[in-house]
């Protein structure tokens, strides 16, 4: 008896490969998303640091934060804002980086004030929690600064 050589894959072999690829994707995609989020956090930290330096220069020249032009740095994942009290002798400022909606940074909020006090807030971000006490910028899941 002679058997004819077959070419290609059987359905069982193909299904085994599909199952293996699905398992790998289930493991890899969350890790990759977390990696991208950690990379985007540097954008917020750099922008906040830049704005704080500009605010301090303005304060050194004017002895007030009132009138400080909060010119946001170019960012793809965050928007920046500055809040100063509306008083002629304003000595406080809070600078905030907020994750842009419909990006993988939605819900991330980083702040810094005139004293350099840092804080992180997460609004419905899966796997991310604020550091306890909330006195730093969280850069990794689990509240790690």
Protein backbone atom coordinates (compact mmCIF):
# COMPACT_ATOMS: atom_id res chain seq x y z
CA UNK A 1 0.00 0.00 0.00
CA UNK A 2 1.21 3.38 -0.86
CA UNK A 3 0.03 6.52 0.94
CA UNK A 4 -0.21 9.74 -0.91
CA UNK A 5 1.60 12.63 0.82
CA UNK A 6 -0.77 15.36 1.94
CA UNK A 7 0.01 19.02 1.99
CA UNK A 8 -1.27 21.64 4.44
CA UNK A 9 -2.65 21.50 7.94
CA UNK A 10 -5.51 19.58 9.40
CA UNK A 11 -8.36 21.40 11.10
CA UNK A 12 -7.21 20.16 14.51
CA UNK A 13 -3.69 21.54 13.98
CA UNK A 14 -5.11 24.86 12.88
CA UNK A 15 -7.40 25.09 15.93
CA UNK A 16 -4.50 24.32 18.29
CA UNK A 17 -2.55 27.21 16.76
CA UNK A 18 -5.56 29.55 17.10
CA UNK A 19 -5.96 28.63 20.78
CA UNK A 20 -2.26 29.24 21.45
CA UNK A 21 -2.37 32.63 19.71
CA UNK A 22 -5.48 33.61 21.70
CA UNK A 23 -3.82 32.69 25.00
CA UNK A 24 -0.70 34.67 24.11
CA UNK A 25 -2.78 37.68 23.04
CA UNK A 26 -4.71 37.58 26.32
CA UNK A 27 -1.41 37.73 28.21
CA UNK A 28 0.47 40.20 26.02
CA UNK A 29 -2.13 42.90 25.24
CA UNK A 30 -2.65 44.08 28.87
CA UNK A 31 1.11 44.19 29.42
CA UNK A 32 1.60 46.19 26.25
CA UNK A 33 -1.19 48.63 27.22
CA UNK A 34 0.43 49.09 30.64
CA UNK A 35 3.79 49.69 28.96
CA UNK A 36 2.29 52.37 26.70
CA UNK A 37 0.56 54.06 29.65
CA UNK A 38 3.80 54.17 31.64
CA UNK A 39 5.49 55.77 28.62
CA UNK A 40 2.75 58.40 28.31
CA UNK A 41 3.05 59.33 31.99
CA UNK A 42 6.46 60.84 31.24
CA UNK A 43 4.65 63.31 28.97
CA UNK A 44 2.57 64.53 31.92
CA UNK A 45 5.55 64.71 34.28
CA UNK A 46 7.67 66.64 31.77
CA UNK A 47 4.84 69.10 31.05
CA UNK A 48 4.11 69.69 34.73
CA UNK A 49 7.78 70.22 35.51
CA UNK A 50 8.14 72.69 32.63
CA UNK A 51 5.04 74.68 33.66
CA UNK A 52 6.12 74.77 37.29
CA UNK A 53 9.52 76.19 36.33
CA UNK A 54 7.85 78.83 34.16
CA UNK A 55 5.44 79.69 37.00
CA UNK A 56 8.32 80.05 39.46
CA UNK A 57 10.19 82.34 37.06
CA UNK A 58 7.04 84.44 36.68
CA UNK A 59 6.60 84.57 40.47
CA UNK A 60 10.24 85.55 40.99
CA UNK A 61 9.79 88.49 38.59
CA UNK A 62 6.30 89.61 39.73
CA UNK A 63 5.90 88.31 43.33
CA UNK A 64 2.50 86.91 42.33
CA UNK A 65 1.12 84.12 40.19
CA UNK A 66 -1.75 86.30 38.99
CA UNK A 67 -1.28 86.93 35.28
CA UNK A 68 0.82 83.83 34.72
CA UNK A 69 0.16 82.61 31.18
CA UNK A 70 -0.25 78.86 31.44
CA UNK A 71 0.97 78.01 27.96
CA UNK A 72 0.53 74.29 27.72
CA UNK A 73 3.33 72.23 26.26
CA UNK A 74 2.59 70.14 23.19
CA UNK A 75 1.19 66.80 24.34
CA UNK A 76 -0.71 63.96 22.72
CA UNK A 77 -2.20 62.31 25.81
CA UNK A 78 -2.67 65.12 28.36
CA UNK A 79 -4.15 68.59 28.66
CA UNK A 80 -2.59 71.06 31.08
CA UNK A 81 -4.23 73.76 33.17
CA UNK A 82 -3.15 76.23 35.84
CA UNK A 83 -5.34 77.55 38.65
CA UNK A 84 -4.45 80.69 40.60
CA UNK A 85 -6.67 82.52 43.06
CA UNK A 86 -8.03 85.83 41.77
CA UNK A 87 -6.32 87.98 44.39
CA UNK A 88 -3.68 90.66 43.84
CA UNK A 89 -1.28 88.95 46.24
CA UNK A 90 -1.81 85.39 45.03
CA UNK A 91 0.92 83.14 46.33
CA UNK A 92 -0.53 79.79 45.32
CA UNK A 93 -0.86 77.93 42.05
CA UNK A 94 -1.96 74.43 41.11
CA UNK A 95 -0.91 72.95 37.79
CA UNK A 96 -2.83 69.93 36.52
CA UNK A 97 -2.26 67.38 33.74
CA UNK A 98 -5.45 65.53 32.80
CA UNK A 99 -5.55 62.50 30.52
CA UNK A 100 -7.38 63.21 27.28
CA UNK A 101 -10.70 61.41 26.80
CA UNK A 102 -10.79 58.49 24.38
CA UNK A 103 -7.08 57.76 24.82
CA UNK A 104 -5.46 55.11 27.00
CA UNK A 105 -4.70 57.93 29.48
CA UNK A 106 -8.33 58.87 30.16
CA UNK A 107 -8.86 59.10 33.92
CA UNK A 108 -5.25 59.92 34.84
CA UNK A 109 -4.82 63.25 36.69
CA UNK A 110 -1.47 64.58 37.94
CA UNK A 111 -1.03 67.81 39.93
CA UNK A 112 1.71 69.94 41.44
CA UNK A 113 1.48 73.14 43.46
CA UNK A 114 3.76 76.08 44.29
CA UNK A 115 5.45 74.08 47.09
CA UNK A 116 6.25 71.18 44.80
CA UNK A 117 3.59 68.96 46.41
CA UNK A 118 2.64 66.26 43.93
CA UNK A 119 -0.54 64.19 43.78
CA UNK A 120 -2.10 61.58 41.51
CA UNK A 121 -5.77 60.77 40.99
CA UNK A 122 -7.28 57.97 38.93
CA UNK A 123 -10.89 58.05 37.77
CA UNK A 124 -12.04 54.54 36.79
CA UNK A 125 -8.64 53.38 35.57
CA UNK A 126 -8.37 49.61 35.78
CA UNK A 127 -5.42 48.37 37.85
CA UNK A 128 -4.11 51.82 38.83
CA UNK A 129 -4.38 53.14 42.38
CA UNK A 130 -3.10 56.26 44.10
CA UNK A 131 -0.12 56.07 46.42
CA UNK A 132 -0.93 56.22 50.13
CA UNK A 133 -0.32 58.94 51.23
CA UNK A 134 -1.07 60.71 47.94
CA UNK A 135 2.15 62.72 47.82
CA UNK A 136 3.81 61.63 44.58
CA UNK A 137 3.21 60.98 40.90
CA UNK A 138 2.28 57.33 40.42
CA UNK A 139 4.19 55.87 37.48
CA UNK A 140 3.34 52.16 37.84
CA UNK A 141 0.30 50.09 38.66
CA UNK A 142 -0.27 49.37 42.33
CA UNK A 143 0.42 52.92 43.52
CA UNK A 144 4.17 52.84 42.89
CA UNK A 145 5.88 56.19 42.49
